[in-house]
Amino acid sequence: MRRLIRITESSKYLGVSATALRRWVRDGLCPVMKSPGGRWFWSVALLDEIKMNMLEGNYAHTEPASVADTVCKQ
């Protein structure tokens, strides 16, 4: 079973703001799973890929969407 976490935990996991994650989703840069009640969830596997790209330097603090663009549009 795939582990899913909500936006607050996801943002803490990545070390970015919840606002950044919302922006990535809004801009179509990163997929999000939605519950029937409208809550957003991310898979830990996807977050691990994003985090790895951040650690490898594929991340610009001035352009946080670049991480999502690198990972989520594959």
C-alpha atoms as a PDB file:
ATOM      1  CA  MET A   1       0.000   0.000   0.000  1.00  0.00           C
ATOM      2  CA  ARG A   2       1.241   3.447  -0.904  1.00  0.00           C
ATOM      3  CA  ARG A   3       1.723   5.838   2.007  1.00  0.00           C
ATOM      4  CA  LEU A   4      -0.064   9.154   1.569  1.00  0.00           C
ATOM      5  CA  ILE A   5       0.415  12.292   3.637  1.00  0.00           C
ATOM      6  CA  ARG A   6      -1.406  15.624   3.785  1.00  0.00           C
ATOM      7  CA  ILE A   7      -0.112  19.048   2.815  1.00  0.00           C
ATOM      8  CA  THR A   8       1.292  20.147   6.187  1.00  0.00           C
ATOM      9  CA  GLU A   9       3.294  16.966   6.665  1.00  0.00           C
ATOM     10  CA  SER A  10       4.332  16.989   2.993  1.00  0.00           C
ATOM     11  CA  SER A  11       5.662  20.538   3.184  1.00  0.00           C
ATOM     12  CA  LYS A  12       7.591  19.753   6.370  1.00  0.00           C
ATOM     13  CA  TYR A  13       8.963  16.586   4.756  1.00  0.00           C
ATOM     14  CA  LEU A  14      10.346  18.664   1.874  1.00  0.00           C
ATOM     15  CA  GLY A  15      11.309  21.702   3.914  1.00  0.00           C
ATOM     16  CA  VAL A  16       9.131  24.031   1.829  1.00  0.00           C
ATOM     17  CA  SER A  17       5.978  25.938   2.631  1.00  0.00           C
ATOM     18  CA  ALA A  18       2.487  24.597   2.116  1.00  0.00           C
ATOM     19  CA  THR A  19       2.006  27.632  -0.120  1.00  0.00           C
ATOM     20  CA  ALA A  20       4.746  26.350  -2.434  1.00  0.00           C
ATOM     21  CA  LEU A  21       3.042  22.957  -2.749  1.00  0.00           C
ATOM     22  CA  ARG A  22      -0.291  24.632  -3.458  1.00  0.00           C
ATOM     23  CA  ARG A  23       1.358  26.764  -6.142  1.00  0.00           C
ATOM     24  CA  TRP A  24       2.956  23.711  -7.791  1.00  0.00           C
ATOM     25  CA  VAL A  25      -0.447  22.018  -7.955  1.00  0.00           C
ATOM     26  CA  ARG A  26      -2.234  25.162  -9.146  1.00  0.00           C
ATOM     27  CA  ASP A  27       0.358  25.677 -11.880  1.00  0.00           C
ATOM     28  CA  GLY A  28       0.008  22.069 -13.014  1.00  0.00           C
ATOM     29  CA  LEU A  29       3.572  21.209 -12.071  1.00  0.00           C
ATOM     30  CA  CYS A  30       2.883  18.450  -9.585  1.00  0.00           C
ATOM     31  CA  PRO A  31       0.083  15.921  -9.250  1.00  0.00           C
ATOM     32  CA  VAL A  32      -1.963  15.695  -6.104  1.00  0.00           C
ATOM     33  CA  MET A  33      -4.479  13.104  -4.997  1.00  0.00           C
ATOM     34  CA  LYS A  34      -7.770  14.433  -3.685  1.00  0.00           C
ATOM     35  CA  SER A  35     -10.131  12.712  -1.290  1.00  0.00           C
ATOM     36  CA  PRO A  36     -13.882  12.795  -1.937  1.00  0.00           C
ATOM     37  CA  GLY A  37     -14.001  15.578   0.682  1.00  0.00           C
ATOM     38  CA  GLY A  38     -11.444  17.661  -1.244  1.00  0.00           C
ATOM     39  CA  ARG A  39      -8.407  17.075   0.989  1.00  0.00           C
ATOM     40  CA  TRP A  40      -5.064  16.906  -0.784  1.00  0.00           C
ATOM     41  CA  PHE A  41      -2.582  14.050  -0.373  1.00  0.00           C
ATOM     42  CA  TRP A  42       0.877  13.266  -1.770  1.00  0.00           C
ATOM     43  CA  SER A  43       2.589   9.921  -1.989  1.00  0.00           C
ATOM     44  CA  VAL A  44       5.777   9.621   0.007  1.00  0.00           C
ATOM     45  CA  ALA A  45       7.412   8.054  -3.075  1.00  0.00           C
ATOM     46  CA  LEU A  46       6.782  11.224  -5.104  1.00  0.00           C
ATOM     47  CA  LEU A  47       8.027  13.408  -2.258  1.00  0.00           C
ATOM     48  CA  ASP A  48      11.160  11.255  -2.033  1.00  0.00           C
ATOM     49  CA  GLU A  49      11.843  11.928  -5.727  1.00  0.00           C
ATOM     50  CA  ILE A  50      11.376  15.660  -5.242  1.00  0.00           C
ATOM     51  CA  LYS A  51      13.607  15.628  -2.162  1.00  0.00           C
ATOM     52  CA  MET A  52      16.330  13.731  -4.032  1.00  0.00           C
ATOM     53  CA  ASN A  53      16.287  16.354  -6.777  1.00  0.00           C
ATOM     54  CA  MET A  54      16.544  19.064  -4.144  1.00  0.00           C
ATOM     55  CA  LEU A  55      19.574  17.352  -2.598  1.00  0.00           C
ATOM     56  CA  GLU A  56      21.199  16.938  -6.029  1.00  0.00           C
ATOM     57  CA  GLY A  57      20.959  20.673  -6.612  1.00  0.00           C
ATOM     58  CA  ASN A  58      18.076  20.589  -9.070  1.00  0.00           C
ATOM     59  CA  TYR A  59      16.404  23.252  -6.996  1.00  0.00           C
ATOM     60  CA  ALA A  60      16.649  27.031  -7.022  1.00  0.00           C
ATOM     61  CA  HIS A  61      15.394  28.747  -3.876  1.00  0.00           C
ATOM     62  CA  THR A  62      14.140  31.622  -5.984  1.00  0.00           C
ATOM     63  CA  GLU A  63      12.185  29.256  -8.228  1.00  0.00           C
ATOM     64  CA  PRO A  64      10.698  26.512  -6.041  1.00  0.00           C
ATOM     65  CA  ALA A  65       8.506  25.279  -8.893  1.00  0.00           C
ATOM     66  CA  SER A  66      11.649  24.042 -10.644  1.00  0.00           C
ATOM     67  CA  VAL A  67      11.737  21.035  -8.323  1.00  0.00           C
ATOM     68  CA  ALA A  68       8.225  20.036  -9.200  1.00  0.00           C
ATOM     69  CA  ASP A  69       8.929  20.658 -12.865  1.00  0.00           C
ATOM     70  CA  THR A  70      11.970  18.366 -12.709  1.00  0.00           C
ATOM     71  CA  VAL A  71      10.162  15.495 -11.015  1.00  0.00           C
ATOM     72  CA  CYS A  72       6.444  15.687 -11.658  1.00  0.00           C
ATOM     73  CA  LYS A  73       6.347  16.258 -15.393  1.00  0.00           C
ATOM     74  CA  GLN A  74       8.253  13.065 -16.214  1.00  0.00           C
END
